[in-house]
N, C-alpha and C. Protein backbone atom coordinates (compact mmCIF):
# COMPACT_ATOMS: atom_id res chain seq x y z
N MET A 1 -39.25 -172.30 68.44
CA MET A 1 -39.27 -172.07 69.87
C MET A 1 -39.70 -170.63 70.13
N THR A 2 -40.72 -170.48 70.94
CA THR A 2 -41.18 -169.16 71.34
C THR A 2 -40.67 -168.85 72.73
N ARG A 3 -39.93 -167.78 72.85
CA ARG A 3 -39.42 -167.38 74.17
C ARG A 3 -40.24 -166.20 74.65
N PHE A 4 -41.32 -166.53 75.32
CA PHE A 4 -42.34 -165.57 75.69
C PHE A 4 -42.79 -165.86 77.12
N ALA A 5 -43.10 -164.82 77.87
CA ALA A 5 -43.65 -165.01 79.22
C ALA A 5 -44.55 -163.85 79.58
N THR A 6 -45.51 -164.14 80.42
CA THR A 6 -46.36 -163.11 80.99
C THR A 6 -46.29 -163.21 82.51
N ARG A 7 -46.51 -162.08 83.15
CA ARG A 7 -46.50 -162.04 84.62
C ARG A 7 -47.52 -161.02 85.10
N GLN A 8 -48.17 -161.38 86.19
CA GLN A 8 -49.02 -160.44 86.90
C GLN A 8 -48.52 -160.39 88.34
N ARG A 9 -48.55 -159.21 88.90
CA ARG A 9 -48.14 -159.03 90.30
C ARG A 9 -49.08 -158.01 90.93
N THR A 10 -49.70 -158.40 92.02
CA THR A 10 -50.60 -157.50 92.72
C THR A 10 -50.27 -157.50 94.20
N THR A 11 -50.01 -156.32 94.72
CA THR A 11 -49.76 -156.15 96.15
C THR A 11 -50.64 -155.00 96.64
N LYS A 12 -50.51 -154.64 97.89
CA LYS A 12 -51.25 -153.50 98.42
C LYS A 12 -50.71 -152.18 97.85
N GLU A 13 -49.53 -152.25 97.19
CA GLU A 13 -48.88 -151.04 96.68
C GLU A 13 -48.96 -150.90 95.16
N THR A 14 -49.00 -152.05 94.45
CA THR A 14 -48.95 -151.99 92.99
C THR A 14 -49.79 -153.09 92.35
N SER A 15 -50.14 -152.87 91.08
CA SER A 15 -50.78 -153.88 90.26
C SER A 15 -50.12 -153.84 88.89
N ILE A 16 -49.60 -154.98 88.44
CA ILE A 16 -48.78 -155.03 87.23
C ILE A 16 -49.21 -156.17 86.32
N ASP A 17 -49.37 -155.88 85.03
CA ASP A 17 -49.55 -156.89 83.98
C ASP A 17 -48.43 -156.67 82.98
N LEU A 18 -47.70 -157.74 82.67
CA LEU A 18 -46.49 -157.60 81.86
C LEU A 18 -46.33 -158.80 80.95
N SER A 19 -45.83 -158.55 79.74
CA SER A 19 -45.45 -159.65 78.84
C SER A 19 -44.17 -159.27 78.12
N ILE A 20 -43.38 -160.30 77.80
CA ILE A 20 -42.13 -160.09 77.07
C ILE A 20 -41.92 -161.22 76.08
N GLU A 21 -41.53 -160.85 74.87
CA GLU A 21 -41.15 -161.79 73.81
C GLU A 21 -39.70 -161.49 73.47
N LEU A 22 -38.80 -162.42 73.79
CA LEU A 22 -37.37 -162.17 73.59
C LEU A 22 -36.99 -162.06 72.12
N ASP A 23 -37.67 -162.80 71.27
CA ASP A 23 -37.35 -162.78 69.85
C ASP A 23 -38.35 -161.91 69.11
N GLY A 24 -38.48 -160.69 69.57
CA GLY A 24 -39.45 -159.78 69.00
C GLY A 24 -38.84 -158.79 68.03
N THR A 25 -39.51 -157.66 67.89
CA THR A 25 -39.09 -156.62 66.96
C THR A 25 -38.75 -155.31 67.66
N GLY A 26 -38.81 -155.32 68.99
CA GLY A 26 -38.57 -154.08 69.73
C GLY A 26 -39.82 -153.24 69.88
N SER A 27 -40.98 -153.85 69.69
CA SER A 27 -42.25 -153.15 69.85
C SER A 27 -42.59 -153.06 71.34
N THR A 28 -42.91 -151.86 71.81
CA THR A 28 -43.17 -151.68 73.23
C THR A 28 -44.47 -150.91 73.48
N SER A 29 -45.08 -151.23 74.60
CA SER A 29 -46.21 -150.47 75.12
C SER A 29 -46.03 -150.45 76.64
N VAL A 30 -45.60 -149.30 77.15
CA VAL A 30 -45.22 -149.21 78.56
C VAL A 30 -45.98 -148.08 79.23
N SER A 31 -46.66 -148.40 80.33
CA SER A 31 -47.36 -147.39 81.11
C SER A 31 -47.26 -147.73 82.59
N THR A 32 -46.42 -146.97 83.30
CA THR A 32 -46.26 -147.17 84.74
C THR A 32 -46.77 -145.98 85.54
N GLY A 33 -47.15 -144.91 84.85
CA GLY A 33 -47.52 -143.68 85.54
C GLY A 33 -46.33 -142.80 85.87
N ILE A 34 -45.13 -143.25 85.47
CA ILE A 34 -43.88 -142.51 85.72
C ILE A 34 -43.22 -142.29 84.37
N PRO A 35 -43.42 -141.13 83.75
CA PRO A 35 -42.95 -140.93 82.37
C PRO A 35 -41.47 -141.22 82.14
N PHE A 36 -40.60 -140.81 83.04
CA PHE A 36 -39.17 -141.06 82.82
C PHE A 36 -38.88 -142.56 82.84
N TYR A 37 -39.50 -143.29 83.76
CA TYR A 37 -39.31 -144.73 83.85
C TYR A 37 -39.87 -145.42 82.61
N ASP A 38 -41.03 -144.95 82.14
CA ASP A 38 -41.58 -145.49 80.89
C ASP A 38 -40.58 -145.34 79.76
N HIS A 39 -39.93 -144.18 79.70
CA HIS A 39 -38.94 -143.91 78.66
C HIS A 39 -37.77 -144.89 78.76
N MET A 40 -37.30 -145.18 79.97
CA MET A 40 -36.18 -146.11 80.15
C MET A 40 -36.59 -147.54 79.79
N LEU A 41 -37.79 -147.95 80.20
CA LEU A 41 -38.26 -149.29 79.88
C LEU A 41 -38.50 -149.45 78.37
N ASP A 42 -38.94 -148.37 77.74
CA ASP A 42 -39.07 -148.37 76.29
C ASP A 42 -37.71 -148.60 75.62
N GLN A 43 -36.68 -147.95 76.14
CA GLN A 43 -35.32 -148.16 75.62
C GLN A 43 -34.90 -149.62 75.77
N LEU A 44 -35.24 -150.20 76.91
CA LEU A 44 -34.88 -151.60 77.17
C LEU A 44 -35.51 -152.53 76.13
N GLY A 45 -36.79 -152.32 75.85
CA GLY A 45 -37.45 -153.16 74.86
C GLY A 45 -36.96 -152.91 73.46
N ARG A 46 -36.87 -151.65 73.06
CA ARG A 46 -36.49 -151.31 71.69
C ARG A 46 -35.06 -151.75 71.37
N HIS A 47 -34.12 -151.43 72.25
CA HIS A 47 -32.72 -151.76 71.97
C HIS A 47 -32.40 -153.22 72.27
N GLY A 48 -33.25 -153.86 73.08
CA GLY A 48 -33.08 -155.29 73.31
C GLY A 48 -33.70 -156.14 72.21
N GLY A 49 -34.55 -155.51 71.38
CA GLY A 49 -35.25 -156.27 70.36
C GLY A 49 -36.37 -157.11 70.94
N PHE A 50 -36.84 -156.72 72.12
CA PHE A 50 -37.90 -157.47 72.80
C PHE A 50 -39.25 -156.79 72.56
N ASP A 51 -40.27 -157.59 72.37
CA ASP A 51 -41.63 -157.05 72.41
C ASP A 51 -42.02 -157.01 73.88
N LEU A 52 -42.32 -155.82 74.36
CA LEU A 52 -42.51 -155.62 75.79
C LEU A 52 -43.79 -154.82 76.03
N THR A 53 -44.67 -155.39 76.85
CA THR A 53 -45.90 -154.71 77.24
C THR A 53 -45.95 -154.66 78.76
N ILE A 54 -46.10 -153.45 79.29
CA ILE A 54 -46.19 -153.26 80.73
C ILE A 54 -47.32 -152.29 81.04
N ALA A 55 -48.25 -152.73 81.87
CA ALA A 55 -49.31 -151.85 82.37
C ALA A 55 -49.26 -151.94 83.89
N ALA A 56 -48.91 -150.84 84.53
CA ALA A 56 -48.73 -150.85 85.98
C ALA A 56 -49.41 -149.65 86.62
N THR A 57 -50.00 -149.87 87.75
CA THR A 57 -50.51 -148.79 88.59
C THR A 57 -49.93 -148.98 89.98
N GLY A 58 -49.70 -147.87 90.65
CA GLY A 58 -49.11 -147.97 91.98
C GLY A 58 -49.45 -146.78 92.84
N ASP A 59 -48.94 -146.81 94.06
CA ASP A 59 -49.22 -145.76 95.04
C ASP A 59 -48.32 -144.54 94.82
N LEU A 60 -48.48 -143.93 93.65
CA LEU A 60 -47.64 -142.79 93.30
C LEU A 60 -47.90 -141.58 94.18
N HIS A 61 -49.01 -141.57 94.89
CA HIS A 61 -49.28 -140.48 95.83
C HIS A 61 -48.31 -140.52 97.01
N ILE A 62 -47.70 -141.70 97.24
CA ILE A 62 -46.68 -141.82 98.29
C ILE A 62 -45.32 -141.45 97.71
N ASP A 63 -44.87 -142.22 96.73
CA ASP A 63 -43.72 -141.89 95.90
C ASP A 63 -43.63 -142.92 94.78
N THR A 64 -42.57 -142.87 94.00
CA THR A 64 -42.47 -143.77 92.84
C THR A 64 -41.71 -145.05 93.15
N HIS A 65 -41.17 -145.17 94.34
CA HIS A 65 -40.28 -146.29 94.69
C HIS A 65 -40.96 -147.65 94.49
N HIS A 66 -42.15 -147.82 95.04
CA HIS A 66 -42.80 -149.13 94.99
C HIS A 66 -43.08 -149.56 93.56
N THR A 67 -43.55 -148.65 92.74
CA THR A 67 -43.86 -148.98 91.35
C THR A 67 -42.60 -149.34 90.59
N VAL A 68 -41.54 -148.54 90.75
CA VAL A 68 -40.27 -148.83 90.06
C VAL A 68 -39.76 -150.21 90.46
N GLU A 69 -39.74 -150.49 91.74
CA GLU A 69 -39.21 -151.77 92.24
C GLU A 69 -40.05 -152.95 91.76
N ASP A 70 -41.36 -152.86 91.91
CA ASP A 70 -42.21 -154.00 91.58
C ASP A 70 -42.23 -154.29 90.08
N VAL A 71 -42.19 -153.24 89.26
CA VAL A 71 -42.11 -153.46 87.81
C VAL A 71 -40.79 -154.15 87.47
N ALA A 72 -39.69 -153.72 88.07
CA ALA A 72 -38.38 -154.33 87.79
C ALA A 72 -38.35 -155.79 88.20
N ILE A 73 -38.90 -156.11 89.36
CA ILE A 73 -38.95 -157.50 89.82
C ILE A 73 -39.78 -158.35 88.86
N THR A 74 -40.94 -157.84 88.49
CA THR A 74 -41.85 -158.58 87.60
C THR A 74 -41.21 -158.79 86.24
N LEU A 75 -40.54 -157.77 85.73
CA LEU A 75 -39.85 -157.89 84.44
C LEU A 75 -38.73 -158.92 84.52
N GLY A 76 -37.97 -158.92 85.62
CA GLY A 76 -36.90 -159.90 85.80
C GLY A 76 -37.43 -161.33 85.84
N GLU A 77 -38.53 -161.53 86.55
CA GLU A 77 -39.13 -162.86 86.62
C GLU A 77 -39.61 -163.33 85.25
N ALA A 78 -40.24 -162.44 84.51
CA ALA A 78 -40.73 -162.79 83.17
C ALA A 78 -39.57 -163.08 82.22
N PHE A 79 -38.53 -162.27 82.31
CA PHE A 79 -37.35 -162.47 81.46
C PHE A 79 -36.75 -163.85 81.72
N ARG A 80 -36.62 -164.20 83.00
CA ARG A 80 -36.04 -165.49 83.36
C ARG A 80 -36.89 -166.64 82.83
N GLU A 81 -38.21 -166.51 82.95
CA GLU A 81 -39.09 -167.56 82.45
C GLU A 81 -38.99 -167.67 80.93
N ALA A 82 -38.96 -166.53 80.24
CA ALA A 82 -38.90 -166.53 78.79
C ALA A 82 -37.61 -167.18 78.27
N LEU A 83 -36.54 -167.07 79.03
CA LEU A 83 -35.27 -167.68 78.63
C LEU A 83 -35.34 -169.20 78.57
N GLY A 84 -36.22 -169.77 79.36
CA GLY A 84 -36.37 -171.22 79.36
C GLY A 84 -35.12 -171.91 79.87
N ASP A 85 -34.71 -172.98 79.19
CA ASP A 85 -33.57 -173.78 79.66
C ASP A 85 -32.21 -173.22 79.23
N LYS A 86 -32.21 -172.14 78.45
CA LYS A 86 -31.00 -171.43 78.01
C LYS A 86 -30.11 -172.24 77.07
N VAL A 87 -30.61 -173.31 76.55
CA VAL A 87 -29.81 -174.11 75.62
C VAL A 87 -29.47 -173.27 74.39
N GLY A 88 -28.18 -173.23 74.06
CA GLY A 88 -27.71 -172.56 72.87
C GLY A 88 -27.47 -171.07 72.97
N VAL A 89 -27.86 -170.43 74.10
CA VAL A 89 -27.67 -168.98 74.18
C VAL A 89 -26.19 -168.62 74.28
N ARG A 90 -25.87 -167.38 73.88
CA ARG A 90 -24.49 -166.91 73.97
C ARG A 90 -24.05 -166.79 75.41
N ARG A 91 -24.96 -166.43 76.29
CA ARG A 91 -24.78 -166.33 77.74
C ARG A 91 -24.08 -165.07 78.18
N PHE A 92 -22.92 -164.73 77.64
CA PHE A 92 -22.15 -163.56 78.07
C PHE A 92 -22.30 -162.42 77.07
N ALA A 93 -22.21 -161.19 77.57
CA ALA A 93 -22.18 -160.02 76.68
C ALA A 93 -21.62 -158.84 77.45
N SER A 94 -20.97 -157.94 76.71
CA SER A 94 -20.42 -156.75 77.34
C SER A 94 -20.20 -155.68 76.29
N GLY A 95 -20.02 -154.45 76.76
CA GLY A 95 -19.73 -153.36 75.84
C GLY A 95 -19.72 -152.03 76.55
N CYS A 96 -19.27 -151.01 75.82
CA CYS A 96 -19.31 -149.63 76.30
C CYS A 96 -20.34 -148.88 75.45
N PHE A 97 -21.17 -148.08 76.12
CA PHE A 97 -22.30 -147.46 75.45
C PHE A 97 -22.34 -145.97 75.73
N PRO A 98 -22.23 -145.15 74.68
CA PRO A 98 -22.22 -143.70 74.86
C PRO A 98 -23.59 -143.07 74.66
N LEU A 99 -23.79 -141.97 75.33
CA LEU A 99 -24.88 -141.05 75.02
C LEU A 99 -24.33 -139.66 75.26
N ASP A 100 -23.97 -138.99 74.17
CA ASP A 100 -23.30 -137.70 74.24
C ASP A 100 -22.06 -137.80 75.13
N GLU A 101 -22.01 -137.04 76.23
CA GLU A 101 -20.79 -137.02 77.06
C GLU A 101 -20.69 -138.23 77.99
N ALA A 102 -21.78 -138.99 78.13
CA ALA A 102 -21.81 -140.13 79.06
C ALA A 102 -21.33 -141.40 78.37
N LEU A 103 -20.58 -142.19 79.11
CA LEU A 103 -20.10 -143.49 78.61
C LEU A 103 -20.23 -144.50 79.75
N VAL A 104 -21.01 -145.55 79.50
CA VAL A 104 -21.29 -146.56 80.52
C VAL A 104 -20.84 -147.91 80.01
N GLU A 105 -20.16 -148.67 80.88
CA GLU A 105 -19.72 -150.03 80.56
C GLU A 105 -20.66 -151.03 81.23
N VAL A 106 -21.13 -152.00 80.46
CA VAL A 106 -22.02 -153.03 80.97
C VAL A 106 -21.45 -154.40 80.61
N ALA A 107 -21.43 -155.31 81.56
CA ALA A 107 -21.03 -156.70 81.31
C ALA A 107 -21.99 -157.60 82.08
N LEU A 108 -22.43 -158.68 81.42
CA LEU A 108 -23.37 -159.56 82.11
C LEU A 108 -23.18 -161.01 81.70
N ASP A 109 -23.73 -161.87 82.56
CA ASP A 109 -23.69 -163.32 82.39
C ASP A 109 -25.05 -163.86 82.80
N LEU A 110 -25.68 -164.61 81.91
CA LEU A 110 -26.97 -165.24 82.23
C LEU A 110 -26.71 -166.50 83.04
N SER A 111 -26.05 -166.33 84.15
CA SER A 111 -25.50 -167.42 84.95
C SER A 111 -26.52 -168.16 85.79
N GLY A 112 -27.67 -167.53 86.05
CA GLY A 112 -28.59 -168.09 87.03
C GLY A 112 -28.24 -167.69 88.44
N ARG A 113 -27.12 -167.00 88.60
CA ARG A 113 -26.67 -166.53 89.91
C ARG A 113 -26.75 -165.01 89.93
N ALA A 114 -27.65 -164.50 90.74
CA ALA A 114 -27.84 -163.05 90.81
C ALA A 114 -26.69 -162.40 91.56
N PHE A 115 -26.04 -161.46 90.90
CA PHE A 115 -24.97 -160.69 91.53
C PHE A 115 -24.85 -159.38 90.76
N VAL A 116 -24.85 -158.27 91.48
CA VAL A 116 -24.80 -156.96 90.82
C VAL A 116 -23.69 -156.11 91.41
N VAL A 117 -22.85 -155.59 90.52
CA VAL A 117 -21.85 -154.59 90.89
C VAL A 117 -22.26 -153.30 90.19
N TRP A 118 -22.47 -152.25 90.96
CA TRP A 118 -22.95 -150.96 90.43
C TRP A 118 -21.94 -149.89 90.81
N GLU A 119 -21.21 -149.41 89.83
CA GLU A 119 -20.23 -148.34 90.06
C GLU A 119 -20.61 -147.16 89.18
N VAL A 120 -21.73 -146.55 89.52
CA VAL A 120 -22.28 -145.45 88.73
C VAL A 120 -22.59 -144.28 89.67
N PRO A 121 -21.55 -143.53 90.05
CA PRO A 121 -21.81 -142.37 90.91
C PRO A 121 -22.54 -141.29 90.11
N LEU A 122 -23.70 -140.90 90.60
CA LEU A 122 -24.49 -139.89 89.89
C LEU A 122 -24.27 -138.51 90.50
N PRO A 123 -24.07 -137.51 89.65
CA PRO A 123 -23.99 -136.14 90.16
C PRO A 123 -25.30 -135.74 90.83
N GLU A 124 -25.25 -134.76 91.70
CA GLU A 124 -26.47 -134.25 92.32
C GLU A 124 -27.42 -133.79 91.22
N CYS A 125 -28.69 -134.13 91.39
CA CYS A 125 -29.66 -133.82 90.35
C CYS A 125 -31.04 -133.80 90.96
N LEU A 126 -31.88 -132.92 90.50
CA LEU A 126 -33.27 -132.94 90.90
C LEU A 126 -33.95 -134.17 90.31
N PRO A 127 -35.00 -134.67 90.94
CA PRO A 127 -35.74 -135.78 90.35
C PRO A 127 -36.20 -135.45 88.93
N LEU A 128 -36.34 -136.50 88.12
CA LEU A 128 -36.63 -136.35 86.70
C LEU A 128 -38.11 -136.63 86.42
N GLY A 129 -38.79 -135.72 85.76
CA GLY A 129 -40.16 -135.93 85.34
C GLY A 129 -41.19 -135.64 86.41
N ASN A 130 -42.46 -135.93 86.05
CA ASN A 130 -43.57 -135.70 86.95
C ASN A 130 -44.64 -136.75 86.66
N PRO A 131 -44.92 -137.67 87.62
CA PRO A 131 -44.33 -137.79 88.95
C PRO A 131 -42.82 -138.01 88.88
N ALA A 132 -42.16 -137.59 89.92
CA ALA A 132 -40.71 -137.53 89.94
C ALA A 132 -40.08 -138.92 90.03
N PHE A 133 -39.07 -139.13 89.18
CA PHE A 133 -38.23 -140.32 89.25
C PHE A 133 -36.93 -139.91 89.91
N ASP A 134 -36.70 -140.40 91.12
CA ASP A 134 -35.45 -140.12 91.83
C ASP A 134 -34.32 -140.85 91.10
N PRO A 135 -33.28 -140.15 90.63
CA PRO A 135 -32.21 -140.82 89.89
C PRO A 135 -31.58 -141.99 90.63
N GLN A 136 -31.61 -141.96 91.97
CA GLN A 136 -31.06 -143.08 92.74
C GLN A 136 -31.84 -144.38 92.50
N LEU A 137 -33.06 -144.25 92.01
CA LEU A 137 -33.87 -145.45 91.74
C LEU A 137 -33.37 -146.23 90.53
N ALA A 138 -32.53 -145.63 89.71
CA ALA A 138 -32.00 -146.35 88.55
C ALA A 138 -31.23 -147.59 89.01
N GLU A 139 -30.39 -147.43 90.01
CA GLU A 139 -29.65 -148.58 90.54
C GLU A 139 -30.62 -149.63 91.08
N HIS A 140 -31.61 -149.19 91.84
CA HIS A 140 -32.54 -150.12 92.45
C HIS A 140 -33.34 -150.88 91.39
N ALA A 141 -33.75 -150.18 90.35
CA ALA A 141 -34.51 -150.82 89.28
C ALA A 141 -33.67 -151.89 88.57
N ILE A 142 -32.47 -151.53 88.21
CA ILE A 142 -31.63 -152.46 87.45
C ILE A 142 -31.17 -153.63 88.33
N ALA A 143 -30.85 -153.36 89.58
CA ALA A 143 -30.45 -154.44 90.49
C ALA A 143 -31.63 -155.38 90.77
N SER A 144 -32.82 -154.82 90.93
CA SER A 144 -34.01 -155.65 91.18
C SER A 144 -34.31 -156.54 89.97
N PHE A 145 -34.18 -155.97 88.78
CA PHE A 145 -34.38 -156.76 87.56
C PHE A 145 -33.36 -157.90 87.48
N ALA A 146 -32.07 -157.58 87.64
CA ALA A 146 -31.02 -158.58 87.51
C ALA A 146 -31.16 -159.68 88.55
N THR A 147 -31.52 -159.31 89.77
CA THR A 147 -31.68 -160.29 90.83
C THR A 147 -32.83 -161.25 90.51
N ALA A 148 -33.97 -160.70 90.10
CA ALA A 148 -35.12 -161.54 89.77
C ALA A 148 -34.85 -162.41 88.55
N ALA A 149 -34.03 -161.92 87.63
CA ALA A 149 -33.72 -162.66 86.40
C ALA A 149 -32.59 -163.67 86.58
N GLY A 150 -31.87 -163.60 87.70
CA GLY A 150 -30.73 -164.49 87.92
C GLY A 150 -29.54 -164.15 87.05
N ILE A 151 -29.25 -162.87 86.94
CA ILE A 151 -28.17 -162.39 86.08
C ILE A 151 -27.02 -161.86 86.92
N THR A 152 -25.79 -162.17 86.52
CA THR A 152 -24.61 -161.51 87.06
C THR A 152 -24.38 -160.27 86.20
N LEU A 153 -24.34 -159.10 86.85
CA LEU A 153 -24.31 -157.84 86.11
C LEU A 153 -23.32 -156.87 86.73
N HIS A 154 -22.48 -156.30 85.88
CA HIS A 154 -21.55 -155.25 86.29
C HIS A 154 -21.84 -154.00 85.45
N VAL A 155 -22.01 -152.87 86.12
CA VAL A 155 -22.26 -151.61 85.43
C VAL A 155 -21.30 -150.56 85.99
N SER A 156 -20.55 -149.91 85.12
CA SER A 156 -19.58 -148.90 85.55
C SER A 156 -19.69 -147.65 84.69
N LEU A 157 -19.67 -146.51 85.34
CA LEU A 157 -19.65 -145.24 84.62
C LEU A 157 -18.22 -144.89 84.29
N ARG A 158 -17.93 -144.76 83.01
CA ARG A 158 -16.59 -144.37 82.57
C ARG A 158 -16.45 -142.84 82.65
N ARG A 159 -17.48 -142.13 82.17
CA ARG A 159 -17.47 -140.67 82.25
C ARG A 159 -18.87 -140.16 82.01
N GLY A 160 -19.12 -138.93 82.40
CA GLY A 160 -20.42 -138.32 82.16
C GLY A 160 -20.84 -137.43 83.31
N HIS A 161 -21.66 -136.41 83.01
CA HIS A 161 -22.13 -135.51 84.07
C HIS A 161 -23.62 -135.21 83.97
N ASN A 162 -24.25 -135.54 82.84
CA ASN A 162 -25.69 -135.33 82.70
C ASN A 162 -26.40 -136.59 83.18
N VAL A 163 -27.19 -136.47 84.25
CA VAL A 163 -27.79 -137.64 84.89
C VAL A 163 -28.74 -138.37 83.94
N HIS A 164 -29.52 -137.62 83.19
CA HIS A 164 -30.42 -138.25 82.21
C HIS A 164 -29.61 -139.09 81.22
N HIS A 165 -28.53 -138.54 80.71
CA HIS A 165 -27.70 -139.26 79.75
C HIS A 165 -27.08 -140.52 80.37
N ILE A 166 -26.61 -140.41 81.61
CA ILE A 166 -25.98 -141.56 82.28
C ILE A 166 -26.98 -142.69 82.45
N ILE A 167 -28.17 -142.36 82.95
CA ILE A 167 -29.18 -143.39 83.18
C ILE A 167 -29.64 -144.00 81.86
N GLU A 168 -29.86 -143.16 80.87
CA GLU A 168 -30.33 -143.68 79.58
C GLU A 168 -29.27 -144.55 78.91
N ALA A 169 -28.01 -144.15 78.98
CA ALA A 169 -26.93 -144.99 78.42
C ALA A 169 -26.88 -146.33 79.14
N THR A 170 -27.16 -146.33 80.44
CA THR A 170 -27.15 -147.57 81.21
C THR A 170 -28.26 -148.51 80.75
N PHE A 171 -29.47 -147.99 80.59
CA PHE A 171 -30.58 -148.84 80.14
C PHE A 171 -30.35 -149.33 78.71
N LYS A 172 -29.84 -148.46 77.84
CA LYS A 172 -29.57 -148.89 76.47
C LYS A 172 -28.46 -149.93 76.44
N GLY A 173 -27.43 -149.73 77.24
CA GLY A 173 -26.33 -150.69 77.31
C GLY A 173 -26.79 -152.03 77.85
N LEU A 174 -27.62 -152.01 78.88
CA LEU A 174 -28.18 -153.25 79.41
C LEU A 174 -29.00 -153.95 78.33
N ALA A 175 -29.80 -153.19 77.60
CA ALA A 175 -30.63 -153.77 76.55
C ALA A 175 -29.79 -154.45 75.48
N ARG A 176 -28.75 -153.76 75.02
CA ARG A 176 -27.92 -154.33 73.95
C ARG A 176 -27.18 -155.58 74.43
N CYS A 177 -26.74 -155.57 75.68
CA CYS A 177 -26.05 -156.76 76.20
C CYS A 177 -27.03 -157.92 76.37
N LEU A 178 -28.24 -157.64 76.83
CA LEU A 178 -29.24 -158.70 76.93
C LEU A 178 -29.55 -159.27 75.56
N ARG A 179 -29.66 -158.39 74.57
CA ARG A 179 -29.94 -158.84 73.19
C ARG A 179 -28.86 -159.79 72.70
N ASP A 180 -27.59 -159.45 72.98
CA ASP A 180 -26.49 -160.31 72.56
C ASP A 180 -26.46 -161.62 73.34
N ALA A 181 -26.69 -161.54 74.65
CA ALA A 181 -26.56 -162.72 75.51
C ALA A 181 -27.65 -163.76 75.26
N VAL A 182 -28.86 -163.32 74.90
CA VAL A 182 -29.95 -164.28 74.70
C VAL A 182 -29.94 -164.89 73.30
N ARG A 183 -29.08 -164.37 72.42
CA ARG A 183 -29.03 -164.88 71.05
C ARG A 183 -28.68 -166.36 71.04
N VAL A 184 -29.45 -167.13 70.32
CA VAL A 184 -29.18 -168.57 70.21
C VAL A 184 -28.18 -168.78 69.09
N GLU A 185 -27.05 -169.40 69.43
CA GLU A 185 -26.01 -169.63 68.43
C GLU A 185 -25.45 -171.05 68.49
N GLY A 186 -26.09 -171.91 69.25
CA GLY A 186 -25.63 -173.30 69.35
C GLY A 186 -26.77 -174.20 69.76
N ALA A 187 -26.41 -175.45 70.11
CA ALA A 187 -27.43 -176.41 70.48
C ALA A 187 -27.18 -177.04 71.84
N SER A 188 -26.17 -176.52 72.54
CA SER A 188 -25.85 -177.08 73.84
C SER A 188 -25.92 -175.99 74.92
N LEU A 189 -25.96 -176.42 76.15
CA LEU A 189 -26.01 -175.49 77.26
C LEU A 189 -24.60 -174.94 77.49
N PRO A 190 -24.42 -173.62 77.49
CA PRO A 190 -23.07 -173.04 77.62
C PRO A 190 -22.59 -173.04 79.08
N SER A 191 -22.39 -174.24 79.62
CA SER A 191 -21.92 -174.36 81.00
C SER A 191 -21.25 -175.72 81.19
N THR A 192 -20.09 -175.73 81.85
CA THR A 192 -19.43 -176.99 82.17
C THR A 192 -20.16 -177.73 83.29
N LYS A 193 -21.01 -177.03 84.05
CA LYS A 193 -21.77 -177.66 85.11
C LYS A 193 -22.95 -178.45 84.57
N GLY A 194 -23.38 -178.10 83.34
CA GLY A 194 -24.54 -178.75 82.77
C GLY A 194 -25.84 -178.13 83.20
N VAL A 195 -25.77 -176.98 83.89
CA VAL A 195 -26.97 -176.29 84.33
C VAL A 195 -26.67 -174.81 84.47
N LEU A 196 -27.65 -173.98 84.14
CA LEU A 196 -27.53 -172.55 84.32
C LEU A 196 -28.75 -172.07 85.11
């Protein structure tokens, strides 16, 4: 079984070509024009064990919001398609993920029901990188991904003060939980409803 999907999305604001292989090696090629976001998406692929290719262009002369949002939506849609019927997947995953002084807790369910709880208060910080990634976009990116993918997701900051560390721990934690949740370990659908 190959769990692979491709997606293209073109609007007046962005143009995106994306592919994801859930049972990959963590090989990534990411170019959004936003170096910090590229770094976070690279973490998602590498630590998730996904082969991930993203080529995106957007109206960065306005700001980075549209590109961040549209890439996250497109990635969520592709992830959901690649999951297929979800037969045999573990479905649930959770854990605490450190990066130096930062510690982030992530819990998720491949429920098919999009719901996001985000309890990650970020300290005041200048935008990261050039073009600038507004740290507040981290929540929007992850929530947009989870919504498009049909994932129930809870993210909580346990401790931390370095914004880069907090955001990176969040993406790495999400990646590791996704890696655990998509793992096939049975032959039946993990739901009493008979559908996910």
